[in-house]
Amino acid sequence: MKITSSAVSLNVEDVTSSSKFLIDHFGFREEMAAEGFVSLTRDDAGMNIIFLRRGLETLPEDQRDDHALGLILAFVVDDLEGELARLQAEGVGITMPLTVEEWGERAFQVRDPNGVIIQLVDWNATGK
């Protein structure tokens, strides 16, 4: 097997609001879109993020009404404090404050308008 690209697909109620949130606050751009579907990309993300409208008939029947719950979109960033300050200045609600774990992970979280959790993280095993 050879993997040529990666994507994560999330079922949400409002594809447009989730898409706009990642475009406006995280620098993604729309790569493809159709009714009930959008694929977003960034040159440095390493994967596409796809939003699918819940109930979309092209989805298998047992998946149509699922919602993207229990999932965290995690983005490793260079300047965690800078990103936190930027998002706060943009009026994005921080749903988990900056937290430092004993294994060196530092992270905070926000939620998009559909409740999708987005976590920004850096690694500092020696502690800051």
N, C-alpha and C. Protein backbone atom coordinates (compact mmCIF):
# COMPACT_ATOMS: atom_id res chain seq x y z
N MET A 1 0.84 -1.18 0.00
CA MET A 1 0.00 0.00 0.00
C MET A 1 0.88 1.24 0.00
N LYS A 2 0.45 2.22 -0.76
CA LYS A 2 1.11 3.52 -0.78
C LYS A 2 0.03 4.56 -0.49
N ILE A 3 0.18 5.31 0.59
CA ILE A 3 -0.77 6.37 0.93
C ILE A 3 -0.28 7.65 0.27
N THR A 4 -1.14 8.26 -0.52
CA THR A 4 -0.74 9.46 -1.25
C THR A 4 -1.23 10.75 -0.61
N SER A 5 -2.23 10.65 0.26
CA SER A 5 -2.68 11.81 1.01
C SER A 5 -3.56 11.31 2.16
N SER A 6 -3.88 12.22 3.07
CA SER A 6 -4.71 11.87 4.22
C SER A 6 -5.80 12.91 4.41
N ALA A 7 -6.91 12.46 4.99
CA ALA A 7 -8.01 13.37 5.29
C ALA A 7 -8.77 12.82 6.49
N VAL A 8 -9.46 13.70 7.16
CA VAL A 8 -10.39 13.31 8.20
C VAL A 8 -11.74 13.90 7.80
N SER A 9 -12.79 13.08 7.85
CA SER A 9 -14.14 13.53 7.47
C SER A 9 -15.01 13.58 8.71
N LEU A 10 -15.68 14.71 8.89
CA LEU A 10 -16.51 14.93 10.07
C LEU A 10 -17.93 15.27 9.65
N ASN A 11 -18.90 14.57 10.21
CA ASN A 11 -20.30 14.88 9.97
C ASN A 11 -20.72 15.99 10.92
N VAL A 12 -21.31 17.05 10.38
CA VAL A 12 -21.77 18.19 11.18
C VAL A 12 -23.12 18.67 10.64
N GLU A 13 -23.83 19.42 11.45
CA GLU A 13 -25.11 19.99 11.02
C GLU A 13 -24.93 21.05 9.95
N ASP A 14 -23.98 21.96 10.17
CA ASP A 14 -23.81 23.13 9.31
C ASP A 14 -22.39 23.15 8.75
N VAL A 15 -22.25 22.61 7.56
CA VAL A 15 -20.94 22.52 6.90
C VAL A 15 -20.32 23.91 6.73
N THR A 16 -21.13 24.87 6.34
CA THR A 16 -20.62 26.22 6.08
C THR A 16 -20.01 26.86 7.31
N SER A 17 -20.66 26.71 8.48
CA SER A 17 -20.11 27.37 9.68
C SER A 17 -18.81 26.73 10.14
N SER A 18 -18.70 25.39 10.06
CA SER A 18 -17.43 24.76 10.42
C SER A 18 -16.33 25.13 9.45
N SER A 19 -16.66 25.15 8.17
CA SER A 19 -15.69 25.52 7.14
C SER A 19 -15.20 26.95 7.34
N LYS A 20 -16.13 27.86 7.53
CA LYS A 20 -15.79 29.27 7.73
C LYS A 20 -14.90 29.45 8.97
N PHE A 21 -15.18 28.71 10.03
CA PHE A 21 -14.40 28.80 11.27
C PHE A 21 -12.93 28.42 11.00
N LEU A 22 -12.70 27.31 10.30
CA LEU A 22 -11.32 26.91 10.01
C LEU A 22 -10.64 27.84 9.02
N ILE A 23 -11.40 28.39 8.08
CA ILE A 23 -10.83 29.34 7.12
C ILE A 23 -10.47 30.64 7.84
N ASP A 24 -11.42 31.18 8.61
CA ASP A 24 -11.22 32.48 9.26
C ASP A 24 -10.17 32.45 10.37
N HIS A 25 -10.14 31.40 11.17
CA HIS A 25 -9.29 31.39 12.36
C HIS A 25 -8.05 30.51 12.27
N PHE A 26 -8.02 29.60 11.30
CA PHE A 26 -6.89 28.67 11.23
C PHE A 26 -6.22 28.62 9.87
N GLY A 27 -6.60 29.50 8.97
CA GLY A 27 -5.89 29.65 7.69
C GLY A 27 -6.09 28.54 6.69
N PHE A 28 -7.13 27.72 6.85
CA PHE A 28 -7.42 26.72 5.84
C PHE A 28 -8.03 27.40 4.62
N ARG A 29 -8.00 26.70 3.50
CA ARG A 29 -8.66 27.20 2.29
C ARG A 29 -9.49 26.05 1.70
N GLU A 30 -10.53 26.45 0.99
CA GLU A 30 -11.42 25.47 0.37
C GLU A 30 -10.74 24.87 -0.85
N GLU A 31 -10.69 23.56 -0.89
CA GLU A 31 -10.12 22.87 -2.04
C GLU A 31 -11.22 22.35 -2.97
N MET A 32 -12.28 21.80 -2.39
CA MET A 32 -13.43 21.31 -3.15
C MET A 32 -14.68 21.56 -2.33
N ALA A 33 -15.80 21.72 -3.03
CA ALA A 33 -17.06 21.88 -2.32
C ALA A 33 -18.21 21.48 -3.24
N ALA A 34 -19.27 20.99 -2.62
CA ALA A 34 -20.52 20.67 -3.30
C ALA A 34 -21.60 20.76 -2.24
N GLU A 35 -22.83 20.53 -2.61
CA GLU A 35 -23.93 20.58 -1.65
C GLU A 35 -23.68 19.59 -0.52
N GLY A 36 -23.57 20.11 0.71
CA GLY A 36 -23.38 19.26 1.88
C GLY A 36 -21.97 18.74 2.08
N PHE A 37 -20.99 19.32 1.38
CA PHE A 37 -19.62 18.81 1.42
C PHE A 37 -18.63 19.95 1.21
N VAL A 38 -17.56 19.93 1.99
CA VAL A 38 -16.44 20.83 1.72
C VAL A 38 -15.16 20.14 2.16
N SER A 39 -14.11 20.31 1.37
CA SER A 39 -12.78 19.80 1.70
C SER A 39 -11.86 20.99 1.86
N LEU A 40 -11.22 21.08 3.02
CA LEU A 40 -10.32 22.19 3.34
C LEU A 40 -8.89 21.69 3.41
N THR A 41 -7.96 22.57 3.08
CA THR A 41 -6.55 22.21 3.10
C THR A 41 -5.70 23.38 3.55
N ARG A 42 -4.51 23.07 3.94
CA ARG A 42 -3.42 24.02 4.20
C ARG A 42 -2.17 23.35 3.68
N ASP A 43 -1.25 24.13 3.16
CA ASP A 43 -0.02 23.54 2.63
C ASP A 43 0.79 22.83 3.71
N ASP A 44 0.67 23.27 4.95
CA ASP A 44 1.49 22.70 6.02
C ASP A 44 0.73 21.75 6.95
N ALA A 45 -0.52 21.42 6.64
CA ALA A 45 -1.32 20.61 7.57
C ALA A 45 -1.09 19.11 7.44
N GLY A 46 -0.70 18.63 6.28
CA GLY A 46 -0.45 17.21 6.12
C GLY A 46 -1.71 16.38 5.91
N MET A 47 -2.87 17.01 5.93
CA MET A 47 -4.12 16.30 5.69
C MET A 47 -5.20 17.31 5.33
N ASN A 48 -6.23 16.82 4.69
CA ASN A 48 -7.41 17.65 4.43
C ASN A 48 -8.43 17.41 5.54
N ILE A 49 -9.23 18.41 5.80
CA ILE A 49 -10.35 18.27 6.71
C ILE A 49 -11.61 18.41 5.88
N ILE A 50 -12.45 17.40 5.96
CA ILE A 50 -13.67 17.36 5.18
C ILE A 50 -14.86 17.45 6.12
N PHE A 51 -15.78 18.34 5.81
CA PHE A 51 -17.03 18.42 6.55
C PHE A 51 -18.15 17.91 5.65
N LEU A 52 -18.94 17.00 6.21
CA LEU A 52 -20.10 16.44 5.52
C LEU A 52 -21.34 16.78 6.31
N ARG A 53 -22.40 17.18 5.62
CA ARG A 53 -23.65 17.49 6.30
C ARG A 53 -24.32 16.21 6.80
N ARG A 54 -24.70 16.23 8.08
CA ARG A 54 -25.43 15.08 8.63
C ARG A 54 -26.66 14.81 7.79
N GLY A 55 -26.96 13.53 7.59
CA GLY A 55 -28.12 13.13 6.81
C GLY A 55 -27.85 13.03 5.32
N LEU A 56 -26.63 13.32 4.90
CA LEU A 56 -26.28 13.27 3.47
C LEU A 56 -26.55 11.87 2.94
N GLU A 57 -27.34 11.76 1.90
CA GLU A 57 -27.77 10.45 1.39
C GLU A 57 -26.64 9.65 0.75
N THR A 58 -25.54 10.29 0.40
CA THR A 58 -24.42 9.53 -0.17
C THR A 58 -23.66 8.76 0.90
N LEU A 59 -23.88 9.09 2.18
CA LEU A 59 -23.25 8.35 3.27
C LEU A 59 -24.00 7.04 3.50
N PRO A 60 -23.30 6.00 3.96
CA PRO A 60 -24.01 4.78 4.33
C PRO A 60 -25.07 5.09 5.38
N GLU A 61 -26.20 4.41 5.29
CA GLU A 61 -27.34 4.72 6.14
C GLU A 61 -26.99 4.71 7.63
N ASP A 62 -26.11 3.82 8.05
CA ASP A 62 -25.78 3.73 9.48
C ASP A 62 -24.83 4.83 9.94
N GLN A 63 -24.38 5.71 9.02
CA GLN A 63 -23.49 6.82 9.36
C GLN A 63 -24.13 8.19 9.17
N ARG A 64 -25.25 8.25 8.47
CA ARG A 64 -25.83 9.53 8.06
C ARG A 64 -26.12 10.49 9.20
N ASP A 65 -26.57 9.97 10.31
CA ASP A 65 -26.98 10.86 11.39
C ASP A 65 -25.92 11.01 12.48
N ASP A 66 -24.75 10.37 12.30
CA ASP A 66 -23.67 10.52 13.27
C ASP A 66 -23.19 11.97 13.28
N HIS A 67 -22.65 12.38 14.42
CA HIS A 67 -22.06 13.71 14.55
C HIS A 67 -20.63 13.54 15.04
N ALA A 68 -19.76 14.44 14.64
CA ALA A 68 -18.35 14.40 15.01
C ALA A 68 -18.20 14.67 16.50
N LEU A 69 -18.44 13.66 17.31
CA LEU A 69 -18.28 13.78 18.77
C LEU A 69 -17.16 12.86 19.23
N GLY A 70 -16.52 13.23 20.33
CA GLY A 70 -15.46 12.40 20.87
C GLY A 70 -14.18 12.46 20.06
N LEU A 71 -14.06 13.45 19.22
CA LEU A 71 -12.91 13.60 18.34
C LEU A 71 -12.26 14.94 18.61
N ILE A 72 -10.96 14.99 18.55
CA ILE A 72 -10.22 16.25 18.71
C ILE A 72 -9.35 16.44 17.47
N LEU A 73 -9.51 17.57 16.80
CA LEU A 73 -8.58 17.96 15.74
C LEU A 73 -7.41 18.65 16.43
N ALA A 74 -6.25 18.04 16.42
CA ALA A 74 -5.08 18.60 17.11
C ALA A 74 -4.08 19.12 16.09
N PHE A 75 -3.66 20.36 16.29
CA PHE A 75 -2.67 20.99 15.42
C PHE A 75 -1.47 21.38 16.28
N VAL A 76 -0.30 20.86 15.95
CA VAL A 76 0.93 21.23 16.63
C VAL A 76 1.39 22.55 16.03
N VAL A 77 1.67 23.54 16.89
CA VAL A 77 2.06 24.88 16.44
C VAL A 77 3.38 25.29 17.07
N ASP A 78 4.02 26.30 16.46
CA ASP A 78 5.31 26.79 16.94
C ASP A 78 5.18 27.76 18.11
N ASP A 79 4.13 28.58 18.10
CA ASP A 79 3.99 29.65 19.09
C ASP A 79 2.63 29.53 19.78
N LEU A 80 2.54 28.63 20.74
CA LEU A 80 1.27 28.33 21.39
C LEU A 80 0.67 29.56 22.07
N GLU A 81 1.48 30.30 22.82
CA GLU A 81 0.97 31.50 23.50
C GLU A 81 0.52 32.55 22.49
N GLY A 82 1.26 32.69 21.41
CA GLY A 82 0.88 33.63 20.36
C GLY A 82 -0.44 33.26 19.72
N GLU A 83 -0.65 31.98 19.47
CA GLU A 83 -1.91 31.51 18.88
C GLU A 83 -3.06 31.71 19.86
N LEU A 84 -2.81 31.46 21.13
CA LEU A 84 -3.84 31.68 22.15
C LEU A 84 -4.25 33.15 22.17
N ALA A 85 -3.28 34.05 22.20
CA ALA A 85 -3.56 35.48 22.22
C ALA A 85 -4.30 35.91 20.94
N ARG A 86 -3.88 35.38 19.80
CA ARG A 86 -4.52 35.74 18.53
C ARG A 86 -5.98 35.31 18.52
N LEU A 87 -6.25 34.07 18.92
CA LEU A 87 -7.63 33.59 18.91
C LEU A 87 -8.50 34.35 19.90
N GLN A 88 -7.95 34.66 21.07
CA GLN A 88 -8.71 35.46 22.04
C GLN A 88 -9.02 36.84 21.45
N ALA A 89 -8.06 37.46 20.78
CA ALA A 89 -8.27 38.77 20.16
C ALA A 89 -9.32 38.70 19.05
N GLU A 90 -9.43 37.55 18.40
CA GLU A 90 -10.43 37.35 17.36
C GLU A 90 -11.80 37.01 17.93
N GLY A 91 -11.90 36.89 19.25
CA GLY A 91 -13.18 36.60 19.90
C GLY A 91 -13.55 35.14 19.95
N VAL A 92 -12.59 34.25 19.70
CA VAL A 92 -12.86 32.82 19.78
C VAL A 92 -12.84 32.40 21.24
N GLY A 93 -13.88 31.71 21.67
CA GLY A 93 -13.95 31.24 23.06
C GLY A 93 -12.98 30.09 23.31
N ILE A 94 -12.21 30.20 24.36
CA ILE A 94 -11.28 29.14 24.75
C ILE A 94 -12.05 28.19 25.67
N THR A 95 -12.20 26.94 25.23
CA THR A 95 -13.01 25.99 25.99
C THR A 95 -12.20 25.12 26.94
N MET A 96 -10.89 25.08 26.75
CA MET A 96 -9.96 24.46 27.70
C MET A 96 -8.77 25.40 27.80
N PRO A 97 -8.49 25.94 28.99
CA PRO A 97 -7.37 26.86 29.11
C PRO A 97 -6.04 26.16 28.83
N LEU A 98 -5.01 26.96 28.63
CA LEU A 98 -3.68 26.41 28.42
C LEU A 98 -3.32 25.50 29.58
N THR A 99 -3.03 24.25 29.24
CA THR A 99 -2.76 23.21 30.22
C THR A 99 -1.39 22.61 29.93
N VAL A 100 -0.66 22.29 30.99
CA VAL A 100 0.64 21.65 30.84
C VAL A 100 0.55 20.26 31.46
N GLU A 101 0.85 19.24 30.66
CA GLU A 101 0.81 17.86 31.14
C GLU A 101 2.21 17.44 31.61
N GLU A 102 2.26 16.47 32.49
CA GLU A 102 3.54 16.03 33.05
C GLU A 102 4.49 15.46 32.01
N TRP A 103 3.96 14.99 30.88
CA TRP A 103 4.82 14.43 29.83
C TRP A 103 5.31 15.49 28.84
N GLY A 104 4.97 16.75 29.09
CA GLY A 104 5.53 17.83 28.29
C GLY A 104 4.58 18.46 27.29
N GLU A 105 3.40 17.90 27.12
CA GLU A 105 2.44 18.50 26.19
C GLU A 105 1.81 19.74 26.81
N ARG A 106 1.76 20.80 26.01
CA ARG A 106 1.05 22.01 26.41
C ARG A 106 -0.04 22.22 25.37
N ALA A 107 -1.25 22.51 25.83
CA ALA A 107 -2.35 22.61 24.87
C ALA A 107 -3.48 23.47 25.42
N PHE A 108 -4.27 24.00 24.48
CA PHE A 108 -5.55 24.61 24.81
C PHE A 108 -6.54 24.23 23.72
N GLN A 109 -7.83 24.39 24.00
CA GLN A 109 -8.84 23.97 23.05
C GLN A 109 -9.87 25.06 22.81
N VAL A 110 -10.45 25.00 21.61
CA VAL A 110 -11.61 25.80 21.22
C VAL A 110 -12.61 24.84 20.58
N ARG A 111 -13.83 25.33 20.35
CA ARG A 111 -14.83 24.55 19.62
C ARG A 111 -15.36 25.38 18.47
N ASP A 112 -15.59 24.70 17.34
CA ASP A 112 -16.19 25.40 16.21
C ASP A 112 -17.70 25.52 16.44
N PRO A 113 -18.43 26.20 15.56
CA PRO A 113 -19.86 26.38 15.78
C PRO A 113 -20.68 25.10 15.86
N ASN A 114 -20.16 23.98 15.35
CA ASN A 114 -20.84 22.69 15.44
C ASN A 114 -20.36 21.86 16.62
N GLY A 115 -19.49 22.42 17.44
CA GLY A 115 -19.01 21.70 18.61
C GLY A 115 -17.77 20.86 18.38
N VAL A 116 -17.18 20.92 17.19
CA VAL A 116 -15.96 20.16 16.92
C VAL A 116 -14.83 20.77 17.74
N ILE A 117 -14.11 19.93 18.49
CA ILE A 117 -13.02 20.39 19.34
C ILE A 117 -11.75 20.54 18.50
N ILE A 118 -11.12 21.70 18.62
CA ILE A 118 -9.85 21.96 17.96
C ILE A 118 -8.84 22.27 19.06
N GLN A 119 -7.76 21.52 19.08
CA GLN A 119 -6.73 21.68 20.11
C GLN A 119 -5.44 22.14 19.45
N LEU A 120 -4.88 23.20 19.99
CA LEU A 120 -3.55 23.63 19.58
C LEU A 120 -2.57 23.16 20.64
N VAL A 121 -1.44 22.64 20.21
CA VAL A 121 -0.53 21.96 21.12
C VAL A 121 0.92 22.22 20.72
N ASP A 122 1.78 22.20 21.71
CA ASP A 122 3.21 22.11 21.46
C ASP A 122 3.78 21.12 22.47
N TRP A 123 5.02 20.76 22.23
CA TRP A 123 5.68 19.76 23.08
C TRP A 123 6.91 20.39 23.70
N ASN A 124 7.01 20.24 25.00
CA ASN A 124 8.16 20.78 25.69
C ASN A 124 8.49 19.86 26.84
N ALA A 125 9.17 18.79 26.56
CA ALA A 125 9.45 17.76 27.56
C ALA A 125 10.27 18.28 28.74
N THR A 126 11.01 19.36 28.53
CA THR A 126 11.82 19.90 29.62
C THR A 126 11.06 20.91 30.46
N GLY A 127 9.90 21.31 30.02
CA GLY A 127 9.09 22.29 30.77
C GLY A 127 9.52 23.71 30.44
N LYS A 128 8.53 24.61 30.40
CA LYS A 128 8.82 26.03 30.15
C LYS A 128 8.53 26.82 31.38
